[in-house]
Amino acid sequence: MDRSKIVAVATGIISIGLAIAYLLIVQIIDSRGEMLPAPMVEFLLPGLG
């Protein structure tokens, strides 16, 4: 194989690895459960509400 084919294959392997890692991270974050709503400003800073 010449150099350009080796670079193309290596880039493809890295790309597939990153895609699989991204999907795994999304699955882990998604499996943590229900998302909690953001806190309301009135409770954090009583003078602003």
C-alpha atoms as a PDB file:
ATOM      1  CA  MET A   1       0.000   0.000   0.000  1.00  0.00           C
ATOM      2  CA  ASP A   2       1.218   3.466  -0.698  1.00  0.00           C
ATOM      3  CA  ARG A   3       1.251   6.245   1.878  1.00  0.00           C
ATOM      4  CA  SER A   4      -2.043   7.886   0.846  1.00  0.00           C
ATOM      5  CA  LYS A   5      -4.002   4.638   1.251  1.00  0.00           C
ATOM      6  CA  ILE A   6      -2.475   4.054   4.692  1.00  0.00           C
ATOM      7  CA  VAL A   7      -3.438   7.586   5.759  1.00  0.00           C
ATOM      8  CA  ALA A   8      -6.979   7.078   4.407  1.00  0.00           C
ATOM      9  CA  VAL A   9      -7.432   3.785   6.270  1.00  0.00           C
ATOM     10  CA  ALA A  10      -6.020   5.243   9.495  1.00  0.00           C
ATOM     11  CA  THR A  11      -8.314   8.267   9.219  1.00  0.00           C
ATOM     12  CA  GLY A  12     -11.306   5.998   8.640  1.00  0.00           C
ATOM     13  CA  ILE A  13     -10.463   3.869  11.673  1.00  0.00           C
ATOM     14  CA  ILE A  14     -10.078   6.976  13.848  1.00  0.00           C
ATOM     15  CA  SER A  15     -13.389   8.347  12.553  1.00  0.00           C
ATOM     16  CA  ILE A  16     -15.262   5.120  13.288  1.00  0.00           C
ATOM     17  CA  GLY A  17     -13.648   4.955  16.747  1.00  0.00           C
ATOM     18  CA  LEU A  18     -14.750   8.502  17.565  1.00  0.00           C
ATOM     19  CA  ALA A  19     -18.283   7.780  16.334  1.00  0.00           C
ATOM     20  CA  ILE A  20     -18.575   4.678  18.518  1.00  0.00           C
ATOM     21  CA  ALA A  21     -17.156   6.548  21.526  1.00  0.00           C
ATOM     22  CA  TYR A  22     -19.690   9.347  20.973  1.00  0.00           C
ATOM     23  CA  LEU A  23     -22.583   6.889  20.814  1.00  0.00           C
ATOM     24  CA  LEU A  24     -21.407   5.173  24.001  1.00  0.00           C
ATOM     25  CA  ILE A  25     -21.120   8.489  25.856  1.00  0.00           C
ATOM     26  CA  VAL A  26     -24.612   9.507  24.713  1.00  0.00           C
ATOM     27  CA  GLN A  27     -26.028   6.165  25.879  1.00  0.00           C
ATOM     28  CA  ILE A  28     -24.361   6.513  29.289  1.00  0.00           C
ATOM     29  CA  ILE A  29     -25.634  10.068  29.755  1.00  0.00           C
ATOM     30  CA  ASP A  30     -29.116   9.095  28.562  1.00  0.00           C
ATOM     31  CA  SER A  31     -29.332   6.128  30.927  1.00  0.00           C
ATOM     32  CA  ARG A  32     -28.813   8.299  34.027  1.00  0.00           C
ATOM     33  CA  GLY A  33     -32.520   8.909  34.244  1.00  0.00           C
ATOM     34  CA  GLU A  34     -34.948  11.763  34.079  1.00  0.00           C
ATOM     35  CA  MET A  35     -33.524  15.226  33.561  1.00  0.00           C
ATOM     36  CA  LEU A  36     -34.258  17.701  36.347  1.00  0.00           C
ATOM     37  CA  PRO A  37     -35.560  21.144  35.421  1.00  0.00           C
ATOM     38  CA  ALA A  38     -33.266  24.118  35.888  1.00  0.00           C
ATOM     39  CA  PRO A  39     -33.615  25.967  39.201  1.00  0.00           C
ATOM     40  CA  MET A  40     -35.821  29.033  39.153  1.00  0.00           C
ATOM     41  CA  VAL A  41     -34.163  32.438  39.606  1.00  0.00           C
ATOM     42  CA  GLU A  42     -36.650  33.523  42.267  1.00  0.00           C
ATOM     43  CA  PHE A  43     -35.429  30.830  44.635  1.00  0.00           C
ATOM     44  CA  LEU A  44     -31.738  31.558  44.053  1.00  0.00           C
ATOM     45  CA  LEU A  45     -31.898  35.356  44.156  1.00  0.00           C
ATOM     46  CA  PRO A  46     -34.995  36.440  46.146  1.00  0.00           C
ATOM     47  CA  GLY A  47     -34.761  40.148  45.238  1.00  0.00           C
ATOM     48  CA  LEU A  48     -35.038  39.631  41.453  1.00  0.00           C
ATOM     49  CA  GLY A  49     -38.446  37.949  41.236  1.00  0.00           C
END
